[in-house]
C-alpha atoms as a PDB file:
ATOM      1  CA  UNK A   1       1.323-139.850 -48.411  1.00  0.00           C
ATOM      2  CA  UNK A   2       4.124-139.894 -50.873  1.00  0.00           C
ATOM      3  CA  UNK A   3       3.053-139.461 -54.252  1.00  0.00           C
ATOM      4  CA  UNK A   4       5.325-141.854 -56.987  1.00  0.00           C
ATOM      5  CA  UNK A   5       7.687-141.421 -59.876  1.00  0.00           C
ATOM      6  CA  UNK A   6       4.540-141.288 -62.635  1.00  0.00           C
ATOM      7  CA  UNK A   7       3.741-137.774 -64.130  1.00  0.00           C
ATOM      8  CA  UNK A   8       0.244-136.626 -63.919  1.00  0.00           C
ATOM      9  CA  UNK A   9      -1.796-135.358 -66.340  1.00  0.00           C
ATOM     10  CA  UNK A  10      -5.176-134.433 -65.851  1.00  0.00           C
ATOM     11  CA  UNK A  11      -6.295-133.830 -69.214  1.00  0.00           C
ATOM     12  CA  UNK A  12      -4.415-135.733 -72.072  1.00  0.00           C
ATOM     13  CA  UNK A  13      -1.139-135.928 -73.267  1.00  0.00           C
ATOM     14  CA  UNK A  14      -1.997-135.056 -76.814  1.00  0.00           C
ATOM     15  CA  UNK A  15      -3.413-131.434 -75.058  1.00  0.00           C
ATOM     16  CA  UNK A  16      -0.208-131.158 -72.683  1.00  0.00           C
ATOM     17  CA  UNK A  17       2.200-131.265 -75.426  1.00  0.00           C
ATOM     18  CA  UNK A  18       3.099-129.425 -79.016  1.00  0.00           C
ATOM     19  CA  UNK A  19       5.161-132.543 -80.944  1.00  0.00           C
ATOM     20  CA  UNK A  20       4.946-135.978 -80.445  1.00  0.00           C
ATOM     21  CA  UNK A  21       7.842-137.690 -81.519  1.00  0.00           C
ATOM     22  CA  UNK A  22       6.687-141.144 -82.436  1.00  0.00           C
ATOM     23  CA  UNK A  23       8.941-144.244 -82.857  1.00  0.00           C
ATOM     24  CA  UNK A  24       6.819-146.624 -85.347  1.00  0.00           C
ATOM     25  CA  UNK A  25       7.833-150.420 -84.949  1.00  0.00           C
ATOM     26  CA  UNK A  26       5.672-152.096 -82.597  1.00  0.00           C
ATOM     27  CA  UNK A  27       3.927-148.185 -82.032  1.00  0.00           C
ATOM     28  CA  UNK A  28       1.948-147.626 -85.284  1.00  0.00           C
ATOM     29  CA  UNK A  29       2.744-150.691 -87.166  1.00  0.00           C
ATOM     30  CA  UNK A  30       3.923-154.149 -86.856  1.00  0.00           C
ATOM     31  CA  UNK A  31       5.124-154.928 -90.517  1.00  0.00           C
ATOM     32  CA  UNK A  32       2.640-153.705 -92.932  1.00  0.00           C
ATOM     33  CA  UNK A  33       0.180-153.287 -90.589  1.00  0.00           C
ATOM     34  CA  UNK A  34      -0.997-150.590 -88.518  1.00  0.00           C
ATOM     35  CA  UNK A  35      -1.174-151.253 -84.768  1.00  0.00           C
ATOM     36  CA  UNK A  36      -5.453-151.482 -84.102  1.00  0.00           C
ATOM     37  CA  UNK A  37      -6.231-147.829 -83.186  1.00  0.00           C
ATOM     38  CA  UNK A  38      -2.989-146.132 -83.621  1.00  0.00           C
ATOM     39  CA  UNK A  39      -4.346-144.110 -86.886  1.00  0.00           C
ATOM     40  CA  UNK A  40      -7.316-143.178 -85.432  1.00  0.00           C
ATOM     41  CA  UNK A  41      -5.464-142.296 -82.354  1.00  0.00           C
ATOM     42  CA  UNK A  42      -2.873-140.070 -84.254  1.00  0.00           C
ATOM     43  CA  UNK A  43      -5.539-138.297 -86.347  1.00  0.00           C
ATOM     44  CA  UNK A  44      -7.444-137.232 -83.956  1.00  0.00           C
ATOM     45  CA  UNK A  45      -3.639-135.739 -81.836  1.00  0.00           C
ATOM     46  CA  UNK A  46      -3.356-134.028 -85.970  1.00  0.00           C
ATOM     47  CA  UNK A  47      -6.732-132.559 -86.108  1.00  0.00           C
ATOM     48  CA  UNK A  48      -6.067-131.160 -82.174  1.00  0.00           C
ATOM     49  CA  UNK A  49      -3.428-129.133 -83.443  1.00  0.00           C
ATOM     50  CA  UNK A  50      -0.417-131.376 -82.183  1.00  0.00           C
ATOM     51  CA  UNK A  51       2.084-131.624 -84.461  1.00  0.00           C
ATOM     52  CA  UNK A  52       4.228-135.395 -85.042  1.00  0.00           C
ATOM     53  CA  UNK A  53       7.229-136.048 -86.169  1.00  0.00           C
ATOM     54  CA  UNK A  54       8.080-140.004 -86.794  1.00  0.00           C
ATOM     55  CA  UNK A  55      11.949-141.136 -85.500  1.00  0.00           C
ATOM     56  CA  UNK A  56      12.544-144.776 -85.926  1.00  0.00           C
ATOM     57  CA  UNK A  57      15.764-146.834 -85.664  1.00  0.00           C
ATOM     58  CA  UNK A  58      14.979-148.881 -88.601  1.00  0.00           C
ATOM     59  CA  UNK A  59      17.284-148.248 -90.842  1.00  0.00           C
ATOM     60  CA  UNK A  60      16.123-150.103 -94.237  1.00  0.00           C
ATOM     61  CA  UNK A  61      13.811-147.536 -95.713  1.00  0.00           C
ATOM     62  CA  UNK A  62      14.055-144.073 -96.807  1.00  0.00           C
ATOM     63  CA  UNK A  63      12.188-141.167 -95.138  1.00  0.00           C
ATOM     64  CA  UNK A  64      10.146-140.943 -98.318  1.00  0.00           C
ATOM     65  CA  UNK A  65       9.572-144.728 -98.448  1.00  0.00           C
ATOM     66  CA  UNK A  66       8.567-144.509 -94.694  1.00  0.00           C
ATOM     67  CA  UNK A  67       6.281-141.455 -95.219  1.00  0.00           C
ATOM     68  CA  UNK A  68       4.561-143.435 -98.055  1.00  0.00           C
ATOM     69  CA  UNK A  69       3.974-146.347 -96.066  1.00  0.00           C
ATOM     70  CA  UNK A  70       1.893-143.880 -93.230  1.00  0.00           C
ATOM     71  CA  UNK A  71      -0.069-142.573 -95.947  1.00  0.00           C
ATOM     72  CA  UNK A  72      -1.189-145.966 -97.090  1.00  0.00           C
ATOM     73  CA  UNK A  73      -2.186-146.429 -93.682  1.00  0.00           C
ATOM     74  CA  UNK A  74      -4.337-143.429 -93.494  1.00  0.00           C
ATOM     75  CA  UNK A  75      -1.722-141.165 -92.025  1.00  0.00           C
ATOM     76  CA  UNK A  76      -0.773-138.085 -94.047  1.00  0.00           C
ATOM     77  CA  UNK A  77       2.667-137.410 -93.418  1.00  0.00           C
ATOM     78  CA  UNK A  78       5.044-136.127 -95.228  1.00  0.00           C
ATOM     79  CA  UNK A  79       9.135-136.834 -95.806  1.00  0.00           C
ATOM     80  CA  UNK A  80      10.372-134.083 -93.935  1.00  0.00           C
ATOM     81  CA  UNK A  81       8.412-135.423 -90.649  1.00  0.00           C
ATOM     82  CA  UNK A  82      10.515-138.525 -90.828  1.00  0.00           C
ATOM     83  CA  UNK A  83      14.023-138.785 -88.885  1.00  0.00           C
ATOM     84  CA  UNK A  84      15.734-142.077 -89.011  1.00  0.00           C
ATOM     85  CA  UNK A  85      18.711-143.198 -87.490  1.00  0.00           C
ATOM     86  CA  UNK A  86      20.320-143.697 -90.944  1.00  0.00           C
ATOM     87  CA  UNK A  87      20.255-139.864 -91.234  1.00  0.00           C
ATOM     88  CA  UNK A  88      21.922-139.676 -87.850  1.00  0.00           C
ATOM     89  CA  UNK A  89      24.655-142.276 -89.111  1.00  0.00           C
ATOM     90  CA  UNK A  90      25.288-140.261 -92.168  1.00  0.00           C
ATOM     91  CA  UNK A  91      25.686-137.103 -90.533  1.00  0.00           C
ATOM     92  CA  UNK A  92      27.913-138.386 -87.630  1.00  0.00           C
ATOM     93  CA  UNK A  93      30.135-139.675 -90.515  1.00  0.00           C
ATOM     94  CA  UNK A  94      30.682-136.007 -92.206  1.00  0.00           C
ATOM     95  CA  UNK A  95      31.039-134.527 -89.116  1.00  0.00           C
ATOM     96  CA  UNK A  96      34.266-136.759 -88.477  1.00  0.00           C
ATOM     97  CA  UNK A  97      35.395-137.117 -92.162  1.00  0.00           C
ATOM     98  CA  UNK A  98      34.290-134.473 -94.185  1.00  0.00           C
ATOM     99  CA  UNK A  99      31.666-134.393 -97.275  1.00  0.00           C
ATOM    100  CA  UNK A 100      33.110-136.849-100.081  1.00  0.00           C
ATOM    101  CA  UNK A 101      33.974-139.588 -97.864  1.00  0.00           C
ATOM    102  CA  UNK A 102      34.139-143.091 -98.711  1.00  0.00           C
ATOM    103  CA  UNK A 103      31.551-145.256 -97.320  1.00  0.00           C
ATOM    104  CA  UNK A 104      30.340-148.872 -97.161  1.00  0.00           C
ATOM    105  CA  UNK A 105      26.800-148.670 -96.377  1.00  0.00           C
ATOM    106  CA  UNK A 106      25.604-152.331 -94.915  1.00  0.00           C
ATOM    107  CA  UNK A 107      21.278-152.402 -94.653  1.00  0.00           C
ATOM    108  CA  UNK A 108      19.008-151.790 -96.749  1.00  0.00           C
ATOM    109  CA  UNK A 109      18.358-149.296 -99.133  1.00  0.00           C
ATOM    110  CA  UNK A 110      17.563-146.657 -96.589  1.00  0.00           C
ATOM    111  CA  UNK A 111      21.436-146.806 -95.121  1.00  0.00           C
ATOM    112  CA  UNK A 112      22.890-146.033 -98.629  1.00  0.00           C
ATOM    113  CA  UNK A 113      20.608-143.275 -99.586  1.00  0.00           C
ATOM    114  CA  UNK A 114      21.262-141.092 -96.096  1.00  0.00           C
ATOM    115  CA  UNK A 115      24.764-141.471 -96.777  1.00  0.00           C
ATOM    116  CA  UNK A 116      24.600-139.984-100.573  1.00  0.00           C
ATOM    117  CA  UNK A 117      22.215-136.925 -99.307  1.00  0.00           C
ATOM    118  CA  UNK A 118      24.483-136.344 -96.872  1.00  0.00           C
ATOM    119  CA  UNK A 119      26.966-135.895 -99.275  1.00  0.00           C
ATOM    120  CA  UNK A 120      29.284-139.067 -98.687  1.00  0.00           C
ATOM    121  CA  UNK A 121      30.302-141.801-101.245  1.00  0.00           C
ATOM    122  CA  UNK A 122      29.428-145.148-101.233  1.00  0.00           C
ATOM    123  CA  UNK A 123      31.283-147.916-102.253  1.00  0.00           C
ATOM    124  CA  UNK A 124      30.524-151.715-102.328  1.00  0.00           C
ATOM    125  CA  UNK A 125      33.470-153.784-100.683  1.00  0.00           C
ATOM    126  CA  UNK A 126      36.243-153.374 -98.060  1.00  0.00           C
ATOM    127  CA  UNK A 127      38.500-153.363-100.745  1.00  0.00           C
ATOM    128  CA  UNK A 128      37.763-149.985-102.208  1.00  0.00           C
ATOM    129  CA  UNK A 129      39.193-148.313 -98.960  1.00  0.00           C
ATOM    130  CA  UNK A 130      36.199-147.145 -97.227  1.00  0.00           C
ATOM    131  CA  UNK A 131      36.981-144.366 -94.628  1.00  0.00           C
ATOM    132  CA  UNK A 132      33.917-145.500 -92.876  1.00  0.00           C
ATOM    133  CA  UNK A 133      31.153-148.215 -92.315  1.00  0.00           C
ATOM    134  CA  UNK A 134      27.384-147.562 -91.668  1.00  0.00           C
ATOM    135  CA  UNK A 135      25.425-150.443 -90.262  1.00  0.00           C
ATOM    136  CA  UNK A 136      22.259-150.171 -90.285  1.00  0.00           C
ATOM    137  CA  UNK A 137      18.934-153.316 -90.306  1.00  0.00           C
ATOM    138  CA  UNK A 138      18.459-154.759 -93.559  1.00  0.00           C
ATOM    139  CA  UNK A 139      15.912-157.637 -94.423  1.00  0.00           C
ATOM    140  CA  UNK A 140      18.006-159.172 -96.589  1.00  0.00           C
ATOM    141  CA  UNK A 141      22.037-158.888 -95.038  1.00  0.00           C
ATOM    142  CA  UNK A 142      23.801-161.344 -95.680  1.00  0.00           C
ATOM    143  CA  UNK A 143      27.379-162.920 -94.227  1.00  0.00           C
ATOM    144  CA  UNK A 144      29.188-161.704 -97.148  1.00  0.00           C
ATOM    145  CA  UNK A 145      27.756-157.816 -96.024  1.00  0.00           C
ATOM    146  CA  UNK A 146      28.917-158.643 -92.239  1.00  0.00           C
ATOM    147  CA  UNK A 147      32.465-160.120 -93.890  1.00  0.00           C
ATOM    148  CA  UNK A 148      32.959-157.201 -96.149  1.00  0.00           C
ATOM    149  CA  UNK A 149      32.181-154.578 -92.920  1.00  0.00           C
ATOM    150  CA  UNK A 150      34.630-156.826 -90.552  1.00  0.00           C
ATOM    151  CA  UNK A 151      37.579-156.416 -93.079  1.00  0.00           C
ATOM    152  CA  UNK A 152      36.695-152.945 -93.536  1.00  0.00           C
ATOM    153  CA  UNK A 153      36.607-152.207 -89.638  1.00  0.00           C
ATOM    154  CA  UNK A 154      39.680-154.049 -88.587  1.00  0.00           C
ATOM    155  CA  UNK A 155      41.425-152.124 -91.263  1.00  0.00           C
ATOM    156  CA  UNK A 156      41.003-148.918 -89.518  1.00  0.00           C
ATOM    157  CA  UNK A 157      37.871-147.740 -90.647  1.00  0.00           C
ATOM    158  CA  UNK A 158      35.219-145.436 -88.700  1.00  0.00           C
ATOM    159  CA  UNK A 159      32.358-148.005 -87.738  1.00  0.00           C
ATOM    160  CA  UNK A 160      29.005-146.343 -87.016  1.00  0.00           C
ATOM    161  CA  UNK A 161      25.715-148.451 -86.119  1.00  0.00           C
ATOM    162  CA  UNK A 162      22.470-146.768 -86.940  1.00  0.00           C
ATOM    163  CA  UNK A 163      21.379-148.451 -83.739  1.00  0.00           C
ATOM    164  CA  UNK A 164      21.826-151.917 -81.337  1.00  0.00           C
ATOM    165  CA  UNK A 165      18.360-153.002 -81.499  1.00  0.00           C
ATOM    166  CA  UNK A 166      19.030-156.746 -80.801  1.00  0.00           C
ATOM    167  CA  UNK A 167      15.104-157.790 -81.618  1.00  0.00           C
ATOM    168  CA  UNK A 168      12.681-156.332 -83.999  1.00  0.00           C
ATOM    169  CA  UNK A 169       8.738-156.970 -83.743  1.00  0.00           C
ATOM    170  CA  UNK A 170       7.101-158.552 -87.087  1.00  0.00           C
ATOM    171  CA  UNK A 171       3.853-160.084 -87.865  1.00  0.00           C
ATOM    172  CA  UNK A 172       5.548-163.603 -86.977  1.00  0.00           C
ATOM    173  CA  UNK A 173       6.705-162.624 -83.488  1.00  0.00           C
ATOM    174  CA  UNK A 174      10.149-160.674 -82.268  1.00  0.00           C
ATOM    175  CA  UNK A 175      13.349-161.253 -84.901  1.00  0.00           C
ATOM    176  CA  UNK A 176      16.586-160.257 -84.588  1.00  0.00           C
ATOM    177  CA  UNK A 177      17.322-156.774 -85.349  1.00  0.00           C
ATOM    178  CA  UNK A 178      20.357-154.499 -86.385  1.00  0.00           C
ATOM    179  CA  UNK A 179      21.850-155.194 -82.611  1.00  0.00           C
ATOM    180  CA  UNK A 180      22.432-158.918 -83.345  1.00  0.00           C
ATOM    181  CA  UNK A 181      23.968-158.206 -86.996  1.00  0.00           C
ATOM    182  CA  UNK A 182      26.135-155.664 -85.368  1.00  0.00           C
ATOM    183  CA  UNK A 183      27.253-157.939 -82.889  1.00  0.00           C
ATOM    184  CA  UNK A 184      28.280-160.602 -84.773  1.00  0.00           C
ATOM    185  CA  UNK A 185      30.845-157.806 -86.504  1.00  0.00           C
ATOM    186  CA  UNK A 186      31.595-156.764 -83.135  1.00  0.00           C
ATOM    187  CA  UNK A 187      32.429-160.327 -82.118  1.00  0.00           C
ATOM    188  CA  UNK A 188      34.767-160.479 -85.569  1.00  0.00           C
ATOM    189  CA  UNK A 189      36.477-157.676 -85.704  1.00  0.00           C
ATOM    190  CA  UNK A 190      37.182-157.162 -81.920  1.00  0.00           C
ATOM    191  CA  UNK A 191      35.748-153.583 -81.737  1.00  0.00           C
ATOM    192  CA  UNK A 192      32.384-151.757 -80.990  1.00  0.00           C
ATOM    193  CA  UNK A 193      30.758-149.067 -82.673  1.00  0.00           C
ATOM    194  CA  UNK A 194      29.454-145.977 -82.406  1.00  0.00           C
ATOM    195  CA  UNK A 195      25.591-145.431 -82.006  1.00  0.00           C
ATOM    196  CA  UNK A 196      23.537-143.203 -83.800  1.00  0.00           C
ATOM    197  CA  UNK A 197      20.227-143.746 -83.505  1.00  0.00           C
ATOM    198  CA  UNK A 198      18.387-144.275 -80.049  1.00  0.00           C
ATOM    199  CA  UNK A 199      19.043-144.178 -76.973  1.00  0.00           C
ATOM    200  CA  UNK A 200      21.536-141.662 -78.111  1.00  0.00           C
ATOM    201  CA  UNK A 201      19.498-138.256 -78.193  1.00  0.00           C
ATOM    202  CA  UNK A 202      19.932-137.183 -82.347  1.00  0.00           C
ATOM    203  CA  UNK A 203      17.092-138.264 -83.485  1.00  0.00           C
ATOM    204  CA  UNK A 204      14.561-136.402 -80.599  1.00  0.00           C
ATOM    205  CA  UNK A 205      16.403-132.993 -80.952  1.00  0.00           C
ATOM    206  CA  UNK A 206      16.692-132.951 -84.572  1.00  0.00           C
ATOM    207  CA  UNK A 207      12.781-133.445 -84.584  1.00  0.00           C
ATOM    208  CA  UNK A 208      12.165-130.719 -81.703  1.00  0.00           C
ATOM    209  CA  UNK A 209      14.274-128.172 -83.642  1.00  0.00           C
ATOM    210  CA  UNK A 210      12.732-129.034 -87.294  1.00  0.00           C
ATOM    211  CA  UNK A 211       9.343-128.086 -85.610  1.00  0.00           C
ATOM    212  CA  UNK A 212      10.260-125.345 -83.224  1.00  0.00           C
ATOM    213  CA  UNK A 213       8.757-127.559 -80.370  1.00  0.00           C
ATOM    214  CA  UNK A 214       9.034-126.643 -76.846  1.00  0.00           C
ATOM    215  CA  UNK A 215       7.108-129.339 -74.946  1.00  0.00           C
ATOM    216  CA  UNK A 216       7.908-132.575 -76.997  1.00  0.00           C
ATOM    217  CA  UNK A 217       6.804-135.809 -75.405  1.00  0.00           C
ATOM    218  CA  UNK A 218       8.577-139.103 -76.936  1.00  0.00           C
ATOM    219  CA  UNK A 219       6.128-142.096 -77.588  1.00  0.00           C
ATOM    220  CA  UNK A 220       7.997-145.557 -77.762  1.00  0.00           C
ATOM    221  CA  UNK A 221       7.709-149.352 -76.863  1.00  0.00           C
ATOM    222  CA  UNK A 222      11.255-149.991 -76.124  1.00  0.00           C
ATOM    223  CA  UNK A 223      12.672-148.848 -72.439  1.00  0.00           C
ATOM    224  CA  UNK A 224      16.201-149.377 -73.771  1.00  0.00           C
ATOM    225  CA  UNK A 225      16.085-146.658 -76.626  1.00  0.00           C
ATOM    226  CA  UNK A 226      12.733-144.621 -76.799  1.00  0.00           C
ATOM    227  CA  UNK A 227      12.606-144.065 -72.914  1.00  0.00           C
ATOM    228  CA  UNK A 228      16.511-144.054 -72.301  1.00  0.00           C
ATOM    229  CA  UNK A 229      16.877-141.519 -75.517  1.00  0.00           C
ATOM    230  CA  UNK A 230      14.107-139.269 -74.547  1.00  0.00           C
ATOM    231  CA  UNK A 231      15.779-138.910 -70.847  1.00  0.00           C
ATOM    232  CA  UNK A 232      18.976-138.633 -72.464  1.00  0.00           C
ATOM    233  CA  UNK A 233      17.437-135.541 -74.774  1.00  0.00           C
ATOM    234  CA  UNK A 234      15.343-134.094 -71.281  1.00  0.00           C
ATOM    235  CA  UNK A 235      12.299-134.909 -73.014  1.00  0.00           C
ATOM    236  CA  UNK A 236       8.836-136.434 -71.564  1.00  0.00           C
ATOM    237  CA  UNK A 237       7.592-139.782 -72.527  1.00  0.00           C
ATOM    238  CA  UNK A 238       5.193-142.304 -72.848  1.00  0.00           C
ATOM    239  CA  UNK A 239       5.294-145.740 -72.889  1.00  0.00           C
ATOM    240  CA  UNK A 240       2.613-147.947 -74.981  1.00  0.00           C
ATOM    241  CA  UNK A 241       2.585-151.363 -75.038  1.00  0.00           C
ATOM    242  CA  UNK A 242       2.011-152.753 -78.277  1.00  0.00           C
ATOM    243  CA  UNK A 243       5.236-153.512 -79.009  1.00  0.00           C
ATOM    244  CA  UNK A 244       8.873-155.252 -77.256  1.00  0.00           C
ATOM    245  CA  UNK A 245       8.182-153.785 -73.597  1.00  0.00           C
ATOM    246  CA  UNK A 246       5.580-156.162 -71.564  1.00  0.00           C
ATOM    247  CA  UNK A 247       4.492-155.195 -68.237  1.00  0.00           C
ATOM    248  CA  UNK A 248       7.294-157.390 -66.164  1.00  0.00           C
ATOM    249  CA  UNK A 249      10.271-155.415 -68.317  1.00  0.00           C
ATOM    250  CA  UNK A 250       8.517-152.094 -66.865  1.00  0.00           C
ATOM    251  CA  UNK A 251       8.553-153.329 -63.479  1.00  0.00           C
ATOM    252  CA  UNK A 252      12.148-154.171 -63.202  1.00  0.00           C
ATOM    253  CA  UNK A 253      13.078-150.914 -65.248  1.00  0.00           C
ATOM    254  CA  UNK A 254      16.043-149.388 -63.748  1.00  0.00           C
ATOM    255  CA  UNK A 255      16.216-145.626 -63.092  1.00  0.00           C
ATOM    256  CA  UNK A 256      16.904-144.365 -66.241  1.00  0.00           C
ATOM    257  CA  UNK A 257      14.807-146.278 -68.444  1.00  0.00           C
ATOM    258  CA  UNK A 258      11.578-145.599 -66.652  1.00  0.00           C
ATOM    259  CA  UNK A 259       8.828-143.389 -68.897  1.00  0.00           C
ATOM    260  CA  UNK A 260       6.784-140.440 -67.320  1.00  0.00           C
ATOM    261  CA  UNK A 261       3.400-141.843 -68.511  1.00  0.00           C
ATOM    262  CA  UNK A 262       2.605-145.597 -69.762  1.00  0.00           C
ATOM    263  CA  UNK A 263      -0.580-146.418 -71.537  1.00  0.00           C
ATOM    264  CA  UNK A 264      -1.899-150.163 -73.277  1.00  0.00           C
ATOM    265  CA  UNK A 265      -1.557-148.147 -76.587  1.00  0.00           C
ATOM    266  CA  UNK A 266      -1.736-144.953 -78.396  1.00  0.00           C
ATOM    267  CA  UNK A 267      -5.480-143.999 -77.495  1.00  0.00           C
ATOM    268  CA  UNK A 268      -3.191-143.341 -73.998  1.00  0.00           C
ATOM    269  CA  UNK A 269      -2.570-139.988 -75.649  1.00  0.00           C
ATOM    270  CA  UNK A 270      -6.022-138.886 -75.149  1.00  0.00           C
ATOM    271  CA  UNK A 271      -6.772-140.236 -71.820  1.00  0.00           C
ATOM    272  CA  UNK A 272      -5.830-138.416 -68.309  1.00  0.00           C
ATOM    273  CA  UNK A 273      -2.612-140.117 -66.459  1.00  0.00           C
ATOM    274  CA  UNK A 274      -3.289-140.740 -62.858  1.00  0.00           C
ATOM    275  CA  UNK A 275      -0.205-141.091 -60.173  1.00  0.00           C
ATOM    276  CA  UNK A 276      -0.034-143.626 -57.596  1.00  0.00           C
ATOM    277  CA  UNK A 277      -0.064-142.678 -54.350  1.00  0.00           C
ATOM    278  CA  UNK A 278       1.770-144.295 -50.896  1.00  0.00           C
ATOM    279  CA  UNK A 279      -0.520-144.937 -48.000  1.00  0.00           C
ATOM    280  CA  UNK A 280       2.079-146.902 -45.314  1.00  0.00           C
ATOM    281  CA  UNK A 281       2.740-150.000 -47.091  1.00  0.00           C
ATOM    282  CA  UNK A 282       0.335-149.559 -49.857  1.00  0.00           C
ATOM    283  CA  UNK A 283       0.348-147.917 -53.126  1.00  0.00           C
ATOM    284  CA  UNK A 284      -3.246-147.143 -54.693  1.00  0.00           C
ATOM    285  CA  UNK A 285      -3.825-145.291 -58.043  1.00  0.00           C
ATOM    286  CA  UNK A 286      -7.740-145.626 -58.916  1.00  0.00           C
ATOM    287  CA  UNK A 287      -9.219-148.012 -57.441  1.00  0.00           C
ATOM    288  CA  UNK A 288      -6.260-150.388 -57.741  1.00  0.00           C
ATOM    289  CA  UNK A 289      -4.035-151.288 -55.264  1.00  0.00           C
ATOM    290  CA  UNK A 290      -0.678-153.192 -54.745  1.00  0.00           C
ATOM    291  CA  UNK A 291       0.057-153.870 -51.084  1.00  0.00           C
ATOM    292  CA  UNK A 292       3.658-155.560 -49.228  1.00  0.00           C
ATOM    293  CA  UNK A 293       3.069-158.560 -47.518  1.00  0.00           C
ATOM    294  CA  UNK A 294       5.618-160.080 -46.242  1.00  0.00           C
ATOM    295  CA  UNK A 295       7.698-159.423 -48.842  1.00  0.00           C
ATOM    296  CA  UNK A 296       4.997-160.371 -51.589  1.00  0.00           C
ATOM    297  CA  UNK A 297       3.350-157.720 -53.363  1.00  0.00           C
ATOM    298  CA  UNK A 298      -0.256-158.434 -53.635  1.00  0.00           C
ATOM    299  CA  UNK A 299      -2.205-156.477 -56.389  1.00  0.00           C
ATOM    300  CA  UNK A 300      -6.298-155.829 -56.226  1.00  0.00           C
ATOM    301  CA  UNK A 301      -8.837-153.481 -57.935  1.00  0.00           C
ATOM    302  CA  UNK A 302      -7.566-154.367 -61.502  1.00  0.00           C
ATOM    303  CA  UNK A 303     -11.157-154.481 -63.301  1.00  0.00           C
ATOM    304  CA  UNK A 304     -10.953-153.908 -67.091  1.00  0.00           C
ATOM    305  CA  UNK A 305      -8.099-152.019 -69.007  1.00  0.00           C
ATOM    306  CA  UNK A 306      -7.936-148.842 -67.007  1.00  0.00           C
ATOM    307  CA  UNK A 307      -7.748-150.997 -63.802  1.00  0.00           C
ATOM    308  CA  UNK A 308      -5.109-153.194 -64.771  1.00  0.00           C
ATOM    309  CA  UNK A 309      -3.250-150.177 -66.049  1.00  0.00           C
ATOM    310  CA  UNK A 310      -3.531-148.410 -62.813  1.00  0.00           C
ATOM    311  CA  UNK A 311      -2.257-151.505 -60.969  1.00  0.00           C
ATOM    312  CA  UNK A 312       0.833-151.280 -63.240  1.00  0.00           C
ATOM    313  CA  UNK A 313       1.060-147.872 -62.215  1.00  0.00           C
ATOM    314  CA  UNK A 314       0.439-148.556 -58.675  1.00  0.00           C
ATOM    315  CA  UNK A 315       3.057-151.897 -58.778  1.00  0.00           C
ATOM    316  CA  UNK A 316       5.710-150.207 -60.460  1.00  0.00           C
ATOM    317  CA  UNK A 317       5.294-147.283 -57.726  1.00  0.00           C
ATOM    318  CA  UNK A 318       6.017-150.221 -54.823  1.00  0.00           C
ATOM    319  CA  UNK A 319       8.664-151.839 -56.463  1.00  0.00           C
ATOM    320  CA  UNK A 320      10.573-148.986 -57.936  1.00  0.00           C
ATOM    321  CA  UNK A 321      10.519-147.233 -54.399  1.00  0.00           C
ATOM    322  CA  UNK A 322      12.256-150.444 -53.143  1.00  0.00           C
ATOM    323  CA  UNK A 323      14.508-151.536 -55.704  1.00  0.00           C
ATOM    324  CA  UNK A 324      15.926-148.192 -56.132  1.00  0.00           C
ATOM    325  CA  UNK A 325      16.442-148.590 -51.874  1.00  0.00           C
ATOM    326  CA  UNK A 326      18.192-151.948 -52.923  1.00  0.00           C
ATOM    327  CA  UNK A 327      15.683-154.099 -51.256  1.00  0.00           C
ATOM    328  CA  UNK A 328      14.179-156.364 -53.987  1.00  0.00           C
ATOM    329  CA  UNK A 329      15.224-157.367 -57.182  1.00  0.00           C
ATOM    330  CA  UNK A 330      12.184-157.310 -58.948  1.00  0.00           C
ATOM    331  CA  UNK A 331       8.607-158.808 -59.165  1.00  0.00           C
ATOM    332  CA  UNK A 332       6.973-162.058 -60.979  1.00  0.00           C
ATOM    333  CA  UNK A 333       4.141-160.750 -62.945  1.00  0.00           C
ATOM    334  CA  UNK A 334       1.322-162.240 -65.360  1.00  0.00           C
ATOM    335  CA  UNK A 335       0.624-161.280 -68.637  1.00  0.00           C
ATOM    336  CA  UNK A 336      -2.536-162.173 -70.555  1.00  0.00           C
ATOM    337  CA  UNK A 337      -1.730-162.939 -74.032  1.00  0.00           C
ATOM    338  CA  UNK A 338      -2.222-160.432 -77.266  1.00  0.00           C
ATOM    339  CA  UNK A 339      -1.166-157.680 -78.772  1.00  0.00           C
ATOM    340  CA  UNK A 340      -2.325-155.114 -76.227  1.00  0.00           C
ATOM    341  CA  UNK A 341      -0.571-157.075 -72.971  1.00  0.00           C
ATOM    342  CA  UNK A 342      -3.249-156.890 -70.495  1.00  0.00           C
ATOM    343  CA  UNK A 343      -1.478-156.936 -67.190  1.00  0.00           C
ATOM    344  CA  UNK A 344      -3.373-159.551 -65.341  1.00  0.00           C
ATOM    345  CA  UNK A 345      -1.570-159.380 -61.365  1.00  0.00           C
ATOM    346  CA  UNK A 346       1.156-159.373 -59.121  1.00  0.00           C
ATOM    347  CA  UNK A 347       2.851-162.268 -57.983  1.00  0.00           C
ATOM    348  CA  UNK A 348       5.923-162.561 -55.557  1.00  0.00           C
ATOM    349  CA  UNK A 349       9.216-160.912 -55.372  1.00  0.00           C
ATOM    350  CA  UNK A 350      12.174-162.834 -56.382  1.00  0.00           C
END
């Protein structure tokens, strides 16, 4: 009998950890609206004595604005409990170039404000000879903004991207994120930026340092930023399926992008988390079973949300073992529509 990659928790993550480092877009809210159940789950964790910090790659807003939004949703959050990729980028510029360095800030208000608070001087165009360009997400970023950034970068300015998330979840669906706009500047300038936000560990280590936490848990919806960043920071991670990542993405995840825990949504902070166990060519978790049959993975026992999640754990354990050994490239699975991304079953291995 062999246990899979998953971490076992018999109580709940909210009990086992003293700090929740929580992503925002796709985890707590999508656009202006809370993800169903997120406020209740976080409130219960806070009432139980677990500290929280909100770490976001979305650089468009200031910590004050983010905290105000969270308070509107019913979460009593202070600005110093919010850590943004704009703050990380501004600190990186100051460390590289010193206080007072001239910066061209491209993105939402949060980018320029973070630079000002870090003691940097904001300029308006590339003609002002900026020593650095900080590029972050902003809903109203225009071609002219990207053009100014390109001119400055080609002239030798230090270029720092707050993050390189290619997409961002919105109420209308997935839309281009900062990484898509960064790619346009990179193509025109012929260089790549330094990246300040996730998956770099700075946001996570800053949150733990501010609170003095010893057992932080990163909670996010993206494998390439939240989960990879948690691994880089040496922190445990919980993936929720309310945002960008879907179950088929998780099954195909490489070793550096695999979470310790998985849940449908933030209610999983208060659930036990079983592990998958291998018996011969089958992996079981609870009543769910993922079995290899002539190089096909067949799932059973996925009754209800809990059963579907257990089948996902078993399926991941089965696929990851084989992909790590170079035997398969990953499965095709069916995902039922809806914000909670309920997993319907396993198909054939591609």
